[in-house]
Amino acid sequence: MVGNIGHSGMAFLISPLNAKIRQPSHDASRVSHVAYDYQELDTFGATSLRLSFTGWMMPPDTENTEVFLLESVVSVQDNGKWVADLDVLGIERDRPDSIEFPCDCPPDGQIDSFDLVYIDC
């Protein structure tokens, strides 16, 4: 990706070794088990990804100071509140080849015959 981060030269963004995640909460009232109604809604509109830098940087070799490694964090925020840091390289390294969701969708008007719920926050 090409962009400006305020440093001259070419920066290779690397992830921290240990991604952070907030402590899970156990508030059962936050999850509503509503039957899936097959409507497509954007219920993650308040979710955002933020790029920041830890300040750690190092040239990969001492001869070329135009290229350097820069530790950066991609964090998930919900309504401006930090949720977790993403291990971007781990996602790429450990991603599945394919994801399959076998589902025989019910005909219109027969939604209640299937036991499906959706997550909207």
Protein backbone atom coordinates (compact mmCIF):
# COMPACT_ATOMS: atom_id res chain seq x y z
CA MET A 1 0.00 0.00 0.00
CA VAL A 2 1.35 3.42 -0.90
CA GLY A 3 0.90 6.30 1.52
CA ASN A 4 2.60 8.85 3.71
CA ILE A 5 3.37 8.12 7.36
CA GLY A 6 5.60 11.12 8.01
CA HIS A 7 8.96 9.40 7.43
CA SER A 8 11.12 9.45 4.34
CA GLY A 9 12.00 6.16 2.72
CA MET A 10 10.11 2.90 2.46
CA ALA A 11 8.51 1.49 5.59
CA PHE A 12 7.52 -2.14 6.00
CA LEU A 13 4.73 -2.22 8.58
CA ILE A 14 5.01 -5.13 11.00
CA SER A 15 2.62 -6.27 13.74
CA PRO A 16 3.55 -6.50 17.44
CA LEU A 17 4.29 -10.02 18.64
CA ASN A 18 1.27 -10.12 20.97
CA ALA A 19 -2.01 -8.57 19.88
CA LYS A 20 -4.06 -7.16 22.76
CA ILE A 21 -7.76 -7.75 23.35
CA ARG A 22 -10.05 -6.30 26.01
CA GLN A 23 -11.33 -8.54 28.78
CA PRO A 24 -14.54 -10.29 27.76
CA SER A 25 -17.68 -9.24 29.56
CA HIS A 26 -20.45 -11.61 30.54
CA ASP A 27 -23.54 -9.47 30.10
CA ALA A 28 -26.15 -11.86 28.69
CA SER A 29 -28.56 -8.97 28.14
CA ARG A 30 -26.31 -7.63 25.34
CA VAL A 31 -27.07 -10.64 23.13
CA SER A 32 -30.59 -10.92 21.87
CA HIS A 33 -31.45 -14.22 20.23
CA VAL A 34 -33.73 -12.84 17.56
CA ALA A 35 -34.78 -15.10 14.72
CA TYR A 36 -32.99 -14.29 11.50
CA ASP A 37 -35.32 -12.41 9.16
CA TYR A 38 -33.09 -12.51 6.04
CA GLN A 39 -32.82 -8.71 5.92
CA GLU A 40 -29.43 -7.23 4.99
CA LEU A 41 -28.62 -4.43 7.43
CA ASP A 42 -25.41 -2.56 8.23
CA THR A 43 -25.37 -3.03 11.99
CA PHE A 44 -21.62 -2.49 12.30
CA GLY A 45 -21.68 1.15 11.16
CA ALA A 46 -20.04 2.30 14.40
CA THR A 47 -17.18 -0.20 14.03
CA SER A 48 -13.90 1.12 12.65
CA LEU A 49 -10.29 0.07 12.12
CA ARG A 50 -7.52 2.43 13.22
CA LEU A 51 -3.86 2.36 12.24
CA SER A 52 -1.32 3.59 14.79
CA PHE A 53 2.41 3.21 15.41
CA THR A 54 4.15 1.98 18.55
CA GLY A 55 7.28 4.04 17.88
CA TRP A 56 9.52 1.01 17.34
CA MET A 57 11.43 1.21 14.08
CA MET A 58 14.56 -0.43 12.76
CA PRO A 59 16.40 -0.57 9.45
CA PRO A 60 16.69 -4.21 8.30
CA ASP A 61 20.39 -3.61 7.60
CA THR A 62 22.81 -0.83 8.44
CA GLU A 63 23.77 -0.06 4.84
CA ASN A 64 20.32 0.99 3.58
CA THR A 65 18.64 3.60 5.78
CA GLU A 66 15.95 4.35 3.17
CA VAL A 67 14.15 1.10 4.05
CA PHE A 68 13.04 0.32 7.59
CA LEU A 69 10.66 -1.78 9.66
CA LEU A 70 7.95 0.09 11.55
CA GLU A 71 5.83 -1.60 14.20
CA SER A 72 2.21 -0.69 13.64
CA VAL A 73 -1.08 -1.66 15.21
CA VAL A 74 -4.45 -2.08 13.52
CA SER A 75 -7.09 -1.82 16.22
CA VAL A 76 -10.83 -2.41 16.15
CA GLN A 77 -13.01 0.23 17.75
CA ASP A 78 -16.72 0.16 18.47
CA ASN A 79 -18.33 3.59 18.91
CA GLY A 80 -14.85 5.01 19.49
CA LYS A 81 -14.02 2.50 22.25
CA TRP A 82 -11.06 0.17 21.76
CA VAL A 83 -12.00 -3.52 21.43
CA ALA A 84 -8.89 -5.36 20.21
CA ASP A 85 -5.74 -5.20 18.13
CA LEU A 86 -5.62 -7.36 15.01
CA ASP A 87 -2.77 -9.69 14.14
CA VAL A 88 -2.81 -8.71 10.46
CA LEU A 89 0.07 -10.98 9.46
CA GLY A 90 -1.42 -13.88 11.43
CA ILE A 91 -4.73 -13.46 9.65
CA GLU A 92 -2.97 -13.72 6.31
CA ARG A 93 -0.76 -16.62 7.40
CA ASP A 94 -3.50 -18.72 9.05
CA ARG A 95 -6.46 -17.89 6.83
CA PRO A 96 -8.56 -20.80 5.59
CA ASP A 97 -8.51 -21.66 1.91
CA SER A 98 -12.30 -21.44 1.80
CA ILE A 99 -15.22 -20.94 4.11
CA GLU A 100 -18.44 -22.77 3.46
CA PHE A 101 -21.80 -22.06 5.03
CA PRO A 102 -24.08 -24.93 4.10
CA CYS A 103 -27.62 -23.70 4.41
CA ASP A 104 -30.82 -24.67 2.71
CA CYS A 105 -32.60 -21.34 2.90
CA PRO A 106 -36.28 -21.63 3.67
CA PRO A 107 -38.89 -20.48 1.19
CA ASP A 108 -40.47 -17.10 1.87
CA GLY A 109 -42.77 -17.13 4.86
CA GLN A 110 -41.23 -20.23 6.47
CA ILE A 111 -38.46 -18.56 8.48
CA ASP A 112 -39.74 -19.91 11.81
CA SER A 113 -39.04 -23.49 10.73
CA PHE A 114 -35.26 -22.84 10.89
CA ASP A 115 -33.24 -22.28 14.05
CA LEU A 116 -31.12 -19.33 12.92
CA VAL A 117 -30.11 -16.22 14.87
CA TYR A 118 -27.97 -13.26 13.90
CA ILE A 119 -25.41 -11.06 15.63
CA ASP A 120 -25.92 -7.35 15.20
CA CYS A 121 -23.50 -5.73 17.63
